[in-house]
Amino acid sequence: MNKLSFRGNWNEIKGKLKQKYANLTDDDLTFIEGKEDQLFGRLQQRTGRTREQLREEIEKL
């Protein structure tokens, strides 16, 4: 998934991530353009998954 398609589907992805990981907050999932690394870092902290695991999960959503 490239950055453009990731951003284009972000609202849908955000909702699915919140369903899957109830401990994520809106603040955790606030996506600021150009801050993809920070987003993945926060997701890693909250979920305990690697960046690659998260990418694979997001691509499947």
Protein backbone atom coordinates (compact mmCIF):
# COMPACT_ATOMS: atom_id res chain seq x y z
CA MET A 1 0.00 0.00 0.00
CA ASN A 2 1.51 3.31 -0.98
CA LYS A 3 1.14 6.54 0.98
CA LEU A 4 -1.48 7.96 -1.36
CA SER A 5 -3.81 4.98 -1.09
CA PHE A 6 -3.13 4.81 2.66
CA ARG A 7 -4.23 8.41 3.08
CA GLY A 8 -7.19 7.97 0.79
CA ASN A 9 -8.55 5.10 2.86
CA TRP A 10 -7.52 6.50 6.23
CA ASN A 11 -10.99 7.08 7.71
CA GLU A 12 -12.05 3.54 6.89
CA ILE A 13 -8.79 2.09 8.19
CA LYS A 14 -9.00 4.19 11.36
CA GLY A 15 -12.45 2.83 12.17
CA LYS A 16 -11.38 -0.75 11.62
CA LEU A 17 -8.27 -0.33 13.77
CA LYS A 18 -10.39 1.10 16.60
CA GLN A 19 -12.69 -1.92 16.35
CA LYS A 20 -9.77 -4.35 16.40
CA TYR A 21 -7.75 -2.59 19.12
CA ALA A 22 -10.19 -1.05 21.58
CA ASN A 23 -7.37 0.54 23.60
CA LEU A 24 -6.51 2.94 20.74
CA THR A 25 -7.76 6.48 21.23
CA ASP A 26 -8.75 9.09 18.67
CA ASP A 27 -5.51 10.88 19.53
CA ASP A 28 -3.56 7.72 18.76
CA LEU A 29 -5.15 7.51 15.36
CA THR A 30 -4.99 11.15 14.42
CA PHE A 31 -3.09 11.10 11.17
CA ILE A 32 -1.17 14.25 10.40
CA GLU A 33 0.10 14.37 6.85
CA GLY A 34 3.78 13.49 6.77
CA LYS A 35 3.70 11.88 10.21
CA GLU A 36 3.38 8.24 9.12
CA ASP A 37 6.43 7.20 11.18
CA GLN A 38 4.94 8.71 14.33
CA LEU A 39 1.63 7.01 13.67
CA PHE A 40 3.26 3.60 13.27
CA GLY A 41 5.37 4.20 16.38
CA ARG A 42 2.27 4.96 18.42
CA LEU A 43 0.44 1.94 16.99
CA GLN A 44 3.45 -0.25 17.85
CA GLN A 45 3.45 1.00 21.44
CA ARG A 46 -0.28 0.42 21.87
CA THR A 47 -0.54 -2.94 20.12
CA GLY A 48 2.89 -4.51 20.75
CA ARG A 49 3.17 -5.41 17.06
CA THR A 50 6.03 -4.69 14.69
CA ARG A 51 5.75 -2.08 11.96
CA GLU A 52 5.67 -4.83 9.33
CA GLN A 53 2.90 -6.70 11.17
CA LEU A 54 0.87 -3.50 11.33
CA ARG A 55 1.41 -2.76 7.63
CA GLU A 56 0.24 -6.27 6.72
CA GLU A 57 -2.84 -5.92 8.93
CA ILE A 58 -3.71 -2.51 7.50
CA GLU A 59 -3.32 -3.80 3.95
CA LYS A 60 -5.81 -6.57 4.73
CA LEU A 61 -8.43 -4.14 6.12
